[in-house]
N, C-alpha and C. Protein backbone atom coordinates (compact mmCIF):
# COMPACT_ATOMS: atom_id res chain seq x y z
N MET A 1 -1.65 -38.33 -8.38
CA MET A 1 -1.48 -38.54 -7.55
C MET A 1 -0.51 -39.94 -7.92
N ASN A 2 0.58 -40.28 -7.81
CA ASN A 2 1.53 -40.90 -7.99
C ASN A 2 1.32 -42.24 -6.67
N LYS A 3 2.22 -42.99 -7.08
CA LYS A 3 1.56 -44.57 -6.37
C LYS A 3 2.50 -44.29 -4.98
N GLN A 4 3.36 -43.59 -5.19
CA GLN A 4 3.95 -43.32 -3.31
C GLN A 4 3.14 -42.14 -2.77
N SER A 5 2.31 -41.14 -2.99
CA SER A 5 1.90 -40.62 -2.62
C SER A 5 1.07 -41.14 -2.38
N GLN A 6 -0.02 -42.09 -3.11
CA GLN A 6 -1.32 -42.89 -2.28
C GLN A 6 -0.79 -43.76 -1.58
N ASP A 7 0.53 -44.50 -1.68
CA ASP A 7 1.04 -45.20 -0.61
C ASP A 7 0.76 -44.67 1.01
N VAL A 8 1.36 -43.33 0.87
CA VAL A 8 1.25 -42.63 2.18
C VAL A 8 -0.57 -42.36 2.61
N TYR A 9 -1.29 -42.19 1.70
CA TYR A 9 -2.20 -41.50 2.25
C TYR A 9 -3.25 -42.79 2.52
N VAL A 10 -2.94 -44.33 1.52
CA VAL A 10 -3.40 -44.89 2.36
C VAL A 10 -3.02 -45.72 3.93
N SER A 11 -1.77 -45.29 3.99
CA SER A 11 -1.11 -46.04 5.39
C SER A 11 -1.34 -45.10 6.20
N LEU A 12 -1.83 -43.69 5.84
CA LEU A 12 -2.29 -42.62 6.97
C LEU A 12 -3.62 -43.02 7.32
N LEU A 13 -4.95 -43.53 6.47
CA LEU A 13 -5.98 -43.78 7.29
C LEU A 13 -6.17 -45.48 7.50
N ASP A 14 -5.15 -46.35 7.32
CA ASP A 14 -4.96 -47.17 8.24
C ASP A 14 -4.57 -47.31 9.27
N ASN A 15 -3.57 -46.30 9.43
CA ASN A 15 -3.42 -46.21 10.84
C ASN A 15 -3.72 -45.19 11.43
N TYR A 16 -4.74 -44.49 11.02
CA TYR A 16 -5.86 -43.25 11.98
C TYR A 16 -7.09 -43.61 11.37
N PRO A 17 -7.72 -44.57 11.50
CA PRO A 17 -9.29 -45.30 10.84
C PRO A 17 -9.87 -44.38 10.63
N LYS A 18 -10.17 -42.99 12.05
CA LYS A 18 -10.99 -42.08 12.41
C LYS A 18 -10.85 -41.21 11.69
N LEU A 19 -9.90 -41.07 10.76
CA LEU A 19 -9.53 -40.04 9.75
C LEU A 19 -10.40 -40.20 8.29
N ALA A 20 -10.81 -41.42 8.25
CA ALA A 20 -11.73 -41.72 7.16
C ALA A 20 -12.37 -41.01 7.02
N SER A 21 -13.19 -40.36 7.89
CA SER A 21 -14.37 -38.87 7.33
C SER A 21 -13.86 -38.26 6.68
N CYS A 22 -12.77 -37.64 6.60
CA CYS A 22 -12.37 -37.03 6.32
C CYS A 22 -11.36 -37.29 5.17
N GLY A 23 -11.41 -38.34 4.93
CA GLY A 23 -10.44 -38.49 3.84
C GLY A 23 -10.66 -37.70 2.28
N SER A 24 -11.89 -37.91 2.42
CA SER A 24 -11.83 -37.30 0.65
C SER A 24 -11.22 -36.10 0.48
N SER A 25 -11.36 -34.92 2.04
CA SER A 25 -10.82 -33.59 1.77
C SER A 25 -9.47 -33.53 1.78
N ILE A 26 -8.69 -34.54 2.45
CA ILE A 26 -7.33 -34.75 2.59
C ILE A 26 -6.78 -35.00 1.22
N LYS A 27 -7.52 -35.40 0.73
CA LYS A 27 -6.82 -36.19 -1.01
C LYS A 27 -7.23 -34.81 -1.26
N GLU A 28 -8.50 -33.78 -1.56
CA GLU A 28 -8.33 -32.30 -2.05
C GLU A 28 -7.53 -31.96 -1.68
N ALA A 29 -7.36 -31.29 -0.94
CA ALA A 29 -6.28 -30.95 -0.15
C ALA A 29 -4.87 -30.65 -0.79
N PHE A 30 -4.80 -31.90 -1.13
CA PHE A 30 -3.01 -32.83 -1.53
C PHE A 30 -3.01 -32.43 -3.30
N GLU A 31 -4.39 -32.40 -3.99
CA GLU A 31 -4.37 -31.60 -5.59
C GLU A 31 -4.14 -30.71 -5.47
N LEU A 32 -4.93 -29.84 -4.30
CA LEU A 32 -4.68 -28.20 -4.40
C LEU A 32 -3.59 -28.06 -4.21
N LEU A 33 -3.00 -28.42 -3.15
CA LEU A 33 -1.69 -27.90 -3.16
C LEU A 33 -0.68 -28.32 -4.69
N SER A 34 -0.69 -29.53 -4.82
CA SER A 34 0.18 -30.14 -6.17
C SER A 34 -0.15 -28.96 -7.37
N GLU A 35 -1.06 -28.98 -7.33
CA GLU A 35 -1.50 -27.60 -8.71
C GLU A 35 -0.88 -26.18 -8.03
N SER A 36 -0.97 -25.75 -6.81
CA SER A 36 -0.35 -24.86 -6.66
C SER A 36 0.73 -24.35 -6.94
N TYR A 37 2.03 -25.70 -6.58
CA TYR A 37 3.03 -25.98 -6.76
C TYR A 37 3.91 -26.00 -8.27
N HIS A 38 2.58 -27.36 -9.16
CA HIS A 38 2.99 -27.04 -10.40
C HIS A 38 2.80 -26.07 -10.87
N GLY A 39 2.07 -25.19 -10.62
CA GLY A 39 2.20 -23.81 -11.64
C GLY A 39 3.19 -22.81 -10.29
N TYR A 40 4.01 -23.25 -10.01
CA TYR A 40 5.77 -22.11 -9.43
C TYR A 40 4.91 -21.33 -8.05
N GLY A 41 3.57 -21.51 -7.41
CA GLY A 41 3.18 -21.16 -6.55
C GLY A 41 3.70 -21.21 -5.06
N LYS A 42 3.44 -20.70 -3.71
CA LYS A 42 4.09 -20.91 -3.10
C LYS A 42 3.06 -21.04 -1.51
N LEU A 43 2.85 -21.61 -0.48
CA LEU A 43 2.14 -21.46 0.29
C LEU A 43 2.39 -21.02 1.50
N LEU A 44 1.61 -20.03 2.35
CA LEU A 44 1.35 -19.54 3.12
C LEU A 44 0.67 -19.91 4.65
N VAL A 45 1.02 -20.33 5.33
CA VAL A 45 0.80 -21.29 6.46
C VAL A 45 -0.04 -20.22 7.77
N CYS A 46 -0.58 -20.19 8.67
CA CYS A 46 -1.06 -19.40 9.78
C CYS A 46 -2.24 -20.32 10.86
N GLY A 47 -2.09 -20.02 12.01
CA GLY A 47 -2.42 -20.27 12.86
C GLY A 47 -2.40 -19.71 14.45
N ASN A 48 -2.92 -20.13 15.46
CA ASN A 48 -2.60 -19.89 16.51
C ASN A 48 -2.63 -20.70 17.76
N GLY A 49 -1.54 -20.35 18.78
CA GLY A 49 -0.88 -21.13 20.22
C GLY A 49 -0.88 -22.65 19.29
N GLY A 50 -1.34 -24.06 19.69
CA GLY A 50 -0.34 -24.71 19.31
C GLY A 50 -0.81 -24.94 17.90
N SER A 51 -1.22 -24.27 17.00
CA SER A 51 -1.50 -24.36 16.02
C SER A 51 -0.67 -23.53 15.35
N ALA A 52 -0.18 -22.37 15.58
CA ALA A 52 0.98 -21.66 15.27
C ALA A 52 2.14 -22.14 15.24
N SER A 53 2.20 -23.02 15.90
CA SER A 53 3.70 -24.18 15.86
C SER A 53 3.36 -25.35 15.34
N ASP A 54 2.60 -25.99 14.35
CA ASP A 54 2.27 -26.67 13.90
C ASP A 54 2.29 -25.61 12.22
N ALA A 55 1.85 -24.40 11.83
CA ALA A 55 2.29 -23.66 11.03
C ALA A 55 3.69 -23.96 11.10
N GLU A 56 4.19 -23.78 11.83
CA GLU A 56 6.22 -23.92 11.55
C GLU A 56 6.82 -25.01 11.81
N HIS A 57 5.82 -26.07 12.30
CA HIS A 57 6.37 -27.48 12.08
C HIS A 57 5.92 -27.83 10.20
N ILE A 58 5.34 -27.50 9.49
CA ILE A 58 4.58 -27.59 7.96
C ILE A 58 5.85 -27.01 7.45
N VAL A 59 6.31 -25.85 7.73
CA VAL A 59 7.35 -24.99 6.71
C VAL A 59 8.34 -26.26 6.81
N GLY A 60 8.46 -26.20 8.16
CA GLY A 60 10.23 -27.08 7.99
C GLY A 60 10.19 -27.95 7.62
N GLU A 61 8.94 -29.04 7.04
CA GLU A 61 8.93 -30.22 6.33
C GLU A 61 8.96 -29.90 4.74
N LEU A 62 8.44 -28.57 4.78
CA LEU A 62 8.47 -28.56 3.23
C LEU A 62 9.58 -28.07 2.55
N MET A 63 9.95 -26.67 2.94
CA MET A 63 11.69 -26.08 2.56
C MET A 63 13.08 -26.36 2.67
N LYS A 64 12.52 -27.72 2.75
CA LYS A 64 13.98 -29.16 3.19
C LYS A 64 13.42 -30.46 2.76
N GLY A 65 14.55 -31.40 2.66
CA GLY A 65 14.10 -32.84 2.82
C GLY A 65 13.55 -33.24 3.86
N PHE A 66 12.47 -34.06 3.75
CA PHE A 66 11.69 -34.55 5.16
C PHE A 66 12.04 -36.19 5.06
N MET A 67 11.25 -36.74 4.38
CA MET A 67 11.61 -38.24 3.94
C MET A 67 13.03 -38.41 2.98
N LEU A 68 12.58 -37.81 1.94
CA LEU A 68 13.43 -37.77 1.06
C LEU A 68 14.89 -37.06 0.76
N ARG A 69 15.79 -37.08 0.31
CA ARG A 69 17.21 -36.37 0.36
C ARG A 69 17.01 -35.42 -0.58
N ARG A 70 16.42 -35.26 -1.68
CA ARG A 70 16.26 -33.96 -2.53
C ARG A 70 17.06 -33.35 -3.17
N PRO A 71 18.39 -34.45 -3.67
CA PRO A 71 19.50 -33.72 -4.19
C PRO A 71 18.91 -32.59 -5.19
N LEU A 72 20.07 -31.73 -5.77
CA LEU A 72 19.66 -30.34 -6.86
C LEU A 72 19.93 -31.71 -8.14
N SER A 73 19.15 -30.88 -8.78
CA SER A 73 19.48 -31.66 -9.76
C SER A 73 21.08 -30.79 -11.34
N SER A 74 21.55 -31.86 -12.43
CA SER A 74 22.70 -30.97 -12.46
C SER A 74 22.27 -29.48 -13.24
N GLU A 75 20.81 -29.13 -13.77
CA GLU A 75 20.86 -27.95 -14.05
C GLU A 75 20.86 -26.82 -12.52
N GLN A 76 20.90 -27.36 -11.79
CA GLN A 76 20.25 -26.27 -10.88
C GLN A 76 22.22 -25.90 -10.22
N THR A 77 22.65 -27.40 -10.30
CA THR A 77 24.03 -27.39 -9.34
C THR A 77 24.98 -26.41 -10.29
N SER A 78 24.39 -25.99 -11.44
CA SER A 78 25.15 -25.12 -12.70
C SER A 78 25.23 -24.38 -12.35
N LEU A 79 24.31 -23.44 -11.66
CA LEU A 79 23.99 -21.79 -10.91
C LEU A 79 25.13 -21.87 -10.38
N PHE A 80 26.11 -22.70 -9.82
CA PHE A 80 27.16 -22.74 -8.59
C PHE A 80 28.58 -22.67 -9.28
N ASP A 81 29.81 -21.85 -9.38
CA ASP A 81 30.78 -22.01 -9.83
C ASP A 81 31.59 -23.30 -8.74
N LEU A 82 31.59 -24.78 -10.14
CA LEU A 82 31.95 -25.82 -8.80
C LEU A 82 33.28 -25.86 -8.85
N ASP A 83 34.40 -25.07 -9.45
CA ASP A 83 35.69 -25.33 -9.28
C ASP A 83 35.91 -24.56 -7.96
N THR A 84 35.12 -23.75 -7.12
CA THR A 84 35.69 -23.13 -5.96
C THR A 84 35.15 -23.94 -4.80
N ALA A 85 34.99 -24.23 -3.83
CA ALA A 85 35.19 -25.17 -2.17
C ALA A 85 33.91 -24.29 -2.19
N GLU A 86 33.61 -23.39 -2.37
CA GLU A 86 32.44 -22.78 -1.65
C GLU A 86 31.10 -23.31 -2.56
N GLY A 87 31.16 -23.29 -3.63
CA GLY A 87 30.40 -23.54 -4.51
C GLY A 87 30.27 -25.11 -4.71
N GLN A 88 30.91 -25.92 -4.21
CA GLN A 88 30.62 -27.43 -4.66
C GLN A 88 29.96 -27.68 -3.10
N PHE A 89 30.39 -27.22 -2.06
CA PHE A 89 29.85 -26.99 -1.10
C PHE A 89 28.09 -26.63 -1.02
N LEU A 90 28.36 -25.60 -1.59
CA LEU A 90 26.07 -25.60 -1.80
C LEU A 90 25.78 -26.12 -2.50
N ALA A 91 26.68 -26.84 -3.48
CA ALA A 91 25.75 -28.02 -4.54
C ALA A 91 25.46 -28.87 -4.04
N ASP A 92 26.56 -29.27 -2.98
CA ASP A 92 26.46 -30.63 -2.15
C ASP A 92 25.10 -30.65 -1.19
N HIS A 93 25.14 -29.39 -0.82
CA HIS A 93 24.48 -29.68 0.62
C HIS A 93 22.85 -28.69 0.42
N LEU A 94 22.75 -27.93 -0.77
CA LEU A 94 21.27 -27.73 -0.64
C LEU A 94 20.46 -28.54 -0.96
N GLN A 95 18.94 -27.99 -0.97
CA GLN A 95 18.38 -29.26 -1.36
C GLN A 95 16.83 -28.88 -1.41
N GLY A 96 16.25 -29.62 -2.77
CA GLY A 96 15.19 -29.04 -3.47
C GLY A 96 13.60 -28.60 -2.35
N ALA A 97 13.31 -27.48 -2.31
CA ALA A 97 12.20 -27.27 -1.56
C ALA A 97 10.97 -26.67 -1.92
N LEU A 98 9.86 -26.50 -1.38
CA LEU A 98 8.55 -26.76 -1.75
C LEU A 98 8.41 -25.32 -0.94
N PRO A 99 8.27 -24.19 -1.49
CA PRO A 99 8.35 -23.03 -1.10
C PRO A 99 7.16 -22.34 0.00
N ALA A 100 7.32 -21.99 1.32
CA ALA A 100 6.29 -22.29 2.13
C ALA A 100 6.59 -20.45 3.31
N ILE A 101 5.85 -20.34 3.72
CA ILE A 101 5.98 -19.25 4.59
C ILE A 101 4.68 -19.65 5.99
N SER A 102 5.62 -19.46 7.03
CA SER A 102 4.88 -19.50 8.35
C SER A 102 4.50 -17.98 8.71
N LEU A 103 3.39 -17.90 8.50
CA LEU A 103 2.43 -15.83 9.20
C LEU A 103 2.67 -15.88 9.98
N VAL A 104 2.76 -16.88 10.82
CA VAL A 104 3.35 -16.56 12.68
C VAL A 104 4.79 -16.31 12.88
N SER A 105 5.69 -16.53 12.28
CA SER A 105 7.20 -16.27 12.33
C SER A 105 7.68 -14.41 12.84
N HIS A 106 6.83 -13.84 12.33
CA HIS A 106 7.57 -12.17 11.72
C HIS A 106 7.18 -11.86 13.37
N SER A 107 7.42 -11.67 14.44
CA SER A 107 7.14 -11.30 15.67
C SER A 107 7.27 -9.22 15.94
N SER A 108 8.34 -9.01 14.45
CA SER A 108 8.46 -7.47 14.85
C SER A 108 7.30 -7.18 14.07
N LEU A 109 6.51 -7.72 12.90
CA LEU A 109 5.68 -7.28 11.48
C LEU A 109 4.30 -7.56 12.97
N ILE A 110 3.84 -9.18 13.22
CA ILE A 110 2.60 -9.04 13.70
C ILE A 110 2.82 -8.50 15.36
N SER A 111 3.70 -7.77 15.87
CA SER A 111 3.31 -6.76 16.76
C SER A 111 2.81 -5.84 16.13
N ALA A 112 3.76 -4.81 15.43
CA ALA A 112 3.30 -3.30 14.80
C ALA A 112 1.77 -3.40 14.43
N VAL A 113 1.80 -4.74 13.93
CA VAL A 113 0.22 -4.72 13.05
C VAL A 113 -1.05 -4.79 14.14
N ALA A 114 -0.94 -6.17 15.51
CA ALA A 114 -1.54 -5.75 16.15
C ALA A 114 -1.85 -4.31 16.80
N ASN A 115 -0.28 -3.62 17.07
CA ASN A 115 -0.50 -2.46 17.94
C ASN A 115 -1.01 -1.07 17.17
N ASP A 116 -0.39 -0.93 15.75
CA ASP A 116 -0.69 0.11 15.11
C ASP A 116 -2.13 -0.17 14.63
N THR A 117 -3.33 -0.95 14.39
CA THR A 117 -3.88 -1.23 13.51
C THR A 117 -5.28 -2.06 14.43
N SER A 118 -4.63 -3.50 14.28
CA SER A 118 -5.69 -4.60 14.77
C SER A 118 -5.20 -6.14 14.95
N ALA A 119 -5.08 -6.45 16.25
CA ALA A 119 -4.34 -7.54 16.11
C ALA A 119 -5.23 -9.22 15.23
N GLU A 120 -6.69 -8.90 14.58
CA GLU A 120 -7.56 -9.81 14.25
C GLU A 120 -6.74 -9.50 12.47
N ILE A 121 -6.32 -8.67 12.44
CA ILE A 121 -5.52 -8.44 10.68
C ILE A 121 -3.98 -9.18 10.65
N VAL A 122 -3.50 -9.36 11.68
CA VAL A 122 -1.81 -9.62 11.54
C VAL A 122 -1.86 -10.70 10.55
N PHE A 123 -2.69 -11.72 10.55
CA PHE A 123 -2.21 -12.83 9.18
C PHE A 123 -2.77 -12.19 7.75
N ALA A 124 -4.13 -11.42 7.67
CA ALA A 124 -4.61 -10.63 6.77
C ALA A 124 -3.22 -10.13 6.17
N GLN A 125 -2.88 -8.97 7.06
CA GLN A 125 -1.72 -8.04 6.71
C GLN A 125 -0.49 -8.83 5.38
N GLN A 126 -0.37 -9.73 6.12
CA GLN A 126 0.88 -10.22 5.14
C GLN A 126 0.50 -11.47 4.46
N VAL A 127 -1.08 -11.73 3.94
CA VAL A 127 -1.09 -12.40 2.85
C VAL A 127 -1.61 -11.17 1.69
N TYR A 128 -2.13 -10.09 2.34
CA TYR A 128 -2.29 -9.61 1.36
C TYR A 128 -1.06 -8.71 0.77
N GLY A 129 0.39 -8.97 1.55
CA GLY A 129 1.70 -8.41 1.09
C GLY A 129 2.29 -9.57 0.35
N TYR A 130 2.36 -10.92 0.68
CA TYR A 130 2.87 -12.09 0.39
C TYR A 130 1.99 -12.30 -1.00
N GLY A 131 0.78 -12.44 -0.75
CA GLY A 131 -0.22 -13.13 -2.06
C GLY A 131 -0.23 -12.94 -3.20
N ARG A 132 0.02 -14.28 -4.02
CA ARG A 132 -0.27 -13.37 -5.41
C ARG A 132 -1.37 -15.11 -6.12
N PRO A 133 -1.84 -14.65 -6.99
CA PRO A 133 -2.83 -15.49 -7.28
C PRO A 133 -1.91 -17.01 -7.82
N GLY A 134 -2.53 -18.29 -7.63
CA GLY A 134 -2.21 -19.37 -7.65
C GLY A 134 -1.17 -19.85 -6.04
N ASP A 135 -1.04 -18.94 -5.34
CA ASP A 135 -0.60 -19.14 -3.63
C ASP A 135 -2.04 -20.21 -3.49
N ALA A 136 -1.38 -20.60 -2.37
CA ALA A 136 -2.18 -21.36 -1.68
C ALA A 136 -1.97 -20.88 -0.10
N LEU A 137 -3.04 -20.76 0.92
CA LEU A 137 -3.60 -20.73 1.94
C LEU A 137 -3.52 -21.71 2.94
N LEU A 138 -3.01 -21.60 4.24
CA LEU A 138 -3.27 -23.00 4.97
C LEU A 138 -3.73 -22.04 6.52
N GLY A 139 -4.79 -22.25 6.59
CA GLY A 139 -4.83 -21.56 8.16
C GLY A 139 -5.55 -22.89 9.18
N LEU A 140 -5.24 -23.05 9.97
CA LEU A 140 -5.41 -24.09 11.14
C LEU A 140 -6.63 -23.48 12.48
N SER A 141 -7.58 -23.87 12.39
CA SER A 141 -7.98 -23.60 13.40
C SER A 141 -8.92 -24.23 14.16
N THR A 142 -8.77 -24.96 15.55
CA THR A 142 -9.62 -26.14 15.95
C THR A 142 -11.31 -25.71 15.64
N SER A 143 -11.55 -24.57 16.57
CA SER A 143 -12.92 -24.14 16.16
C SER A 143 -13.11 -24.00 14.61
N GLY A 144 -12.59 -23.65 13.81
CA GLY A 144 -12.54 -23.16 12.33
C GLY A 144 -13.39 -21.59 12.66
N ASN A 145 -12.99 -20.50 13.55
CA ASN A 145 -13.34 -19.17 13.81
C ASN A 145 -12.65 -18.49 14.52
N SER A 146 -11.40 -18.48 14.49
CA SER A 146 -10.10 -17.80 14.95
C SER A 146 -10.26 -16.70 14.01
N LYS A 147 -10.47 -15.30 14.53
CA LYS A 147 -10.92 -14.57 13.36
C LYS A 147 -9.64 -14.05 12.67
N ASN A 148 -8.12 -13.68 13.51
CA ASN A 148 -7.73 -13.62 12.27
C ASN A 148 -7.19 -14.44 11.20
N VAL A 149 -7.58 -15.70 11.83
CA VAL A 149 -7.28 -16.77 10.48
C VAL A 149 -8.14 -16.51 9.64
N VAL A 150 -9.65 -16.01 9.89
CA VAL A 150 -10.72 -16.32 8.85
C VAL A 150 -10.54 -14.68 8.48
N ASN A 151 -10.19 -13.88 8.92
CA ASN A 151 -9.96 -12.54 8.05
C ASN A 151 -8.72 -12.96 6.57
N ALA A 152 -7.51 -13.70 7.18
CA ALA A 152 -6.32 -14.05 6.38
C ALA A 152 -7.33 -14.99 4.94
N ILE A 153 -7.80 -15.74 5.20
CA ILE A 153 -8.84 -16.12 4.49
C ILE A 153 -9.63 -15.36 3.15
N HIS A 154 -10.27 -14.38 4.05
CA HIS A 154 -10.70 -13.50 3.15
C HIS A 154 -10.13 -12.89 2.29
N VAL A 155 -9.04 -12.16 2.56
CA VAL A 155 -7.58 -11.91 1.66
C VAL A 155 -7.34 -12.33 0.93
N ALA A 156 -6.98 -14.20 1.31
CA ALA A 156 -6.72 -14.92 -0.11
C ALA A 156 -7.94 -15.52 -1.18
N LYS A 157 -8.84 -15.14 -0.60
CA LYS A 157 -9.67 -15.34 -2.03
C LYS A 157 -9.94 -14.34 -2.79
N ALA A 158 -10.10 -13.01 -2.46
CA ALA A 158 -9.97 -11.80 -2.86
C ALA A 158 -9.36 -11.60 -3.65
N LEU A 159 -7.35 -11.96 -3.30
CA LEU A 159 -6.60 -12.14 -4.17
C LEU A 159 -6.57 -13.49 -5.12
N LYS A 160 -7.18 -14.39 -5.24
CA LYS A 160 -7.43 -15.15 -5.85
C LYS A 160 -6.25 -16.66 -5.60
N LEU A 161 -6.26 -16.54 -4.21
CA LEU A 161 -5.08 -17.67 -3.49
C LEU A 161 -6.07 -18.66 -3.80
N LYS A 162 -5.68 -20.08 -3.92
CA LYS A 162 -6.78 -21.15 -2.96
C LYS A 162 -6.38 -21.15 -1.45
N THR A 163 -7.43 -21.93 -0.71
CA THR A 163 -7.92 -21.76 0.14
C THR A 163 -7.84 -23.31 1.04
N ILE A 164 -7.30 -23.67 2.06
CA ILE A 164 -7.44 -24.93 2.56
C ILE A 164 -7.12 -24.15 4.72
N GLY A 165 -8.23 -25.03 5.19
CA GLY A 165 -8.79 -25.01 6.12
C GLY A 165 -8.78 -26.25 6.84
N MET A 166 -7.46 -26.21 8.29
CA MET A 166 -7.49 -27.47 8.92
C MET A 166 -8.47 -26.99 10.50
N THR A 167 -9.86 -27.78 10.78
CA THR A 167 -10.13 -27.54 11.96
C THR A 167 -10.71 -28.69 12.80
N GLY A 168 -11.59 -28.45 13.47
CA GLY A 168 -12.18 -29.61 14.23
C GLY A 168 -13.18 -30.43 13.54
N PRO A 169 -14.43 -30.99 14.07
CA PRO A 169 -15.72 -31.07 13.18
C PRO A 169 -16.57 -30.50 13.05
N GLY A 170 -16.80 -29.50 13.53
CA GLY A 170 -17.52 -28.37 13.03
C GLY A 170 -17.05 -27.64 11.68
N GLY A 171 -16.05 -27.29 11.56
CA GLY A 171 -15.28 -26.68 10.31
C GLY A 171 -15.58 -24.96 10.97
N GLY A 172 -16.67 -24.53 11.81
CA GLY A 172 -16.86 -23.03 11.79
C GLY A 172 -17.03 -22.40 10.75
N LYS A 173 -16.70 -21.33 11.14
CA LYS A 173 -16.87 -20.28 9.43
C LYS A 173 -15.83 -20.55 8.86
N MET A 174 -15.16 -21.15 8.99
CA MET A 174 -14.21 -21.65 7.54
C MET A 174 -14.28 -22.72 6.79
N LEU A 175 -15.50 -23.33 7.03
CA LEU A 175 -16.15 -24.40 6.20
C LEU A 175 -16.98 -24.16 4.98
N GLU A 176 -17.39 -22.65 5.22
CA GLU A 176 -18.06 -21.87 4.20
C GLU A 176 -17.19 -21.43 3.09
N LEU A 177 -16.00 -20.62 3.85
CA LEU A 177 -14.87 -20.00 3.49
C LEU A 177 -13.58 -20.50 2.38
N CYS A 178 -13.50 -22.14 2.58
CA CYS A 178 -12.43 -22.27 2.32
C CYS A 178 -12.56 -23.17 0.81
N ASP A 179 -12.00 -23.15 0.37
CA ASP A 179 -12.05 -24.04 -1.44
C ASP A 179 -12.25 -25.36 -0.33
N VAL A 180 -11.13 -25.64 0.20
CA VAL A 180 -11.07 -27.35 1.33
C VAL A 180 -11.13 -27.36 2.55
N THR A 181 -11.87 -27.89 3.43
CA THR A 181 -12.06 -27.93 4.78
C THR A 181 -11.53 -29.07 4.99
N ILE A 182 -10.32 -29.71 5.91
CA ILE A 182 -10.08 -30.91 6.61
C ILE A 182 -11.13 -30.83 7.93
N ARG A 183 -12.27 -31.37 8.45
CA ARG A 183 -12.58 -31.79 9.33
C ARG A 183 -11.94 -32.72 10.34
N VAL A 184 -11.17 -31.99 11.35
CA VAL A 184 -11.12 -33.96 11.81
C VAL A 184 -11.86 -34.24 12.74
N PRO A 185 -12.25 -35.66 13.03
CA PRO A 185 -13.37 -36.13 14.02
C PRO A 185 -12.67 -36.26 15.38
N ALA A 186 -12.51 -35.19 16.05
CA ALA A 186 -12.36 -35.22 17.76
C ALA A 186 -12.96 -34.19 18.17
N GLU A 187 -13.19 -34.07 19.86
CA GLU A 187 -13.25 -33.23 19.92
C GLU A 187 -12.70 -32.57 21.26
N GLY A 188 -12.59 -30.89 21.28
CA GLY A 188 -11.23 -30.42 22.27
C GLY A 188 -10.24 -30.24 21.23
N THR A 189 -9.76 -28.99 22.23
CA THR A 189 -8.50 -28.58 21.29
C THR A 189 -7.47 -29.54 21.25
N PRO A 190 -7.12 -30.54 22.10
CA PRO A 190 -5.82 -30.98 22.06
C PRO A 190 -6.36 -32.00 21.39
N ALA A 191 -6.76 -32.66 21.54
CA ALA A 191 -7.46 -34.24 20.62
C ALA A 191 -7.13 -33.82 19.66
N ILE A 192 -8.27 -32.48 18.71
CA ILE A 192 -7.76 -31.83 17.23
C ILE A 192 -6.71 -31.63 16.80
N GLN A 193 -6.02 -31.19 17.72
CA GLN A 193 -4.22 -30.61 17.07
C GLN A 193 -4.03 -32.14 17.13
N GLU A 194 -3.95 -33.39 17.76
CA GLU A 194 -3.14 -34.59 18.07
C GLU A 194 -3.73 -35.17 16.30
N LEU A 195 -4.87 -34.92 16.19
CA LEU A 195 -4.86 -35.62 14.20
C LEU A 195 -4.53 -34.87 13.80
N HIS A 196 -4.13 -33.53 13.52
CA HIS A 196 -4.00 -32.54 12.74
C HIS A 196 -2.75 -32.79 12.31
N LEU A 197 -1.99 -33.31 13.62
CA LEU A 197 -0.20 -33.06 13.12
C LEU A 197 -0.20 -34.61 11.77
N PRO A 198 -0.73 -35.91 11.80
CA PRO A 198 -0.40 -37.12 11.24
C PRO A 198 -1.43 -36.68 9.61
N VAL A 199 -2.06 -35.60 9.77
CA VAL A 199 -3.21 -35.30 8.59
C VAL A 199 -1.22 -34.46 7.53
N TYR A 200 -1.15 -33.30 8.17
CA TYR A 200 -0.31 -32.37 7.75
C TYR A 200 0.90 -33.43 7.18
N HIS A 201 1.56 -34.09 8.16
CA HIS A 201 3.00 -34.71 7.63
C HIS A 201 2.83 -35.56 6.54
N ALA A 202 1.10 -36.76 6.14
CA ALA A 202 0.68 -36.85 5.31
C ALA A 202 1.29 -36.16 4.04
N LEU A 203 0.27 -35.37 4.44
CA LEU A 203 0.41 -33.84 3.18
C LEU A 203 2.05 -34.01 2.83
N CYS A 204 2.59 -33.40 3.78
CA CYS A 204 4.14 -33.07 3.43
C CYS A 204 4.48 -34.33 2.46
N ARG A 205 4.54 -35.25 2.97
CA ARG A 205 4.94 -36.65 2.14
C ARG A 205 4.79 -36.66 0.70
N MET A 206 3.49 -36.81 0.80
CA MET A 206 2.43 -36.61 -0.13
C MET A 206 2.97 -35.78 -1.53
N LEU A 207 3.42 -35.05 -0.84
CA LEU A 207 3.84 -33.59 -1.79
C LEU A 207 5.44 -34.19 -2.06
N GLU A 208 6.56 -34.14 -1.71
CA GLU A 208 7.46 -34.55 -1.00
C GLU A 208 7.25 -36.03 -2.48
N TYR A 209 6.83 -36.95 -2.26
CA TYR A 209 6.74 -37.85 -3.24
C TYR A 209 6.55 -37.43 -4.78
N GLU A 210 5.39 -36.36 -4.72
CA GLU A 210 4.97 -36.20 -5.60
C GLU A 210 5.84 -35.06 -6.70
N PHE A 211 6.65 -34.40 -6.36
CA PHE A 211 7.86 -33.81 -6.69
C PHE A 211 9.72 -33.81 -6.25
N PHE A 212 9.78 -34.78 -5.80
CA PHE A 212 11.10 -35.42 -5.82
C PHE A 212 11.35 -36.65 -5.79
N ASP A 213 10.09 -37.80 -5.94
CA ASP A 213 10.37 -39.12 -6.21
C ASP A 213 10.83 -39.33 -7.34
N SER A 214 12.22 -39.22 -8.04
CA SER A 214 12.49 -39.62 -9.35
C SER A 214 12.20 -41.07 -9.61
């Protein structure tokens, strides 16, 4: 963890002192994600309801500049014909990305799986299709017991993906399944989700500084 990432981590705990109880798991999650991205892996993210919105939010912060501009390197811009207006436009506007896929976004596939097989494997089916060893899965569930998220974790572990859970204080079934479980100290779905947001914002910023702060 570089200094900038460490500063984000410290700032998170300063601003949300109650998160000190899960500070070590936040740091472990960062290290796991950092290892995956250093190995050219990708992140799969899933959750239900408000946590589905969080999954989309996380992917939005990782796939383009969040707090940093993330300009392409000269080696990357050389992929484009810079003698053309289109090539120069792409070189100027594309940003570095940390590959991430929201498993809640694919409505046609989700509805097909739910109708033809079972709604409880809508995420598991995607993990089976997308997942490769060294990738990571982040599952969000305030109870830690959401069946479709738990099933996705089972598949991820079978395929040798790294697994992270974000839950409430109990952790539910995800606590025993995930490599790292971030259990925020709040009661009730809204309060838990309100603490998930600063945690994943901090993780996204920490990763951005790790990979794009030159």
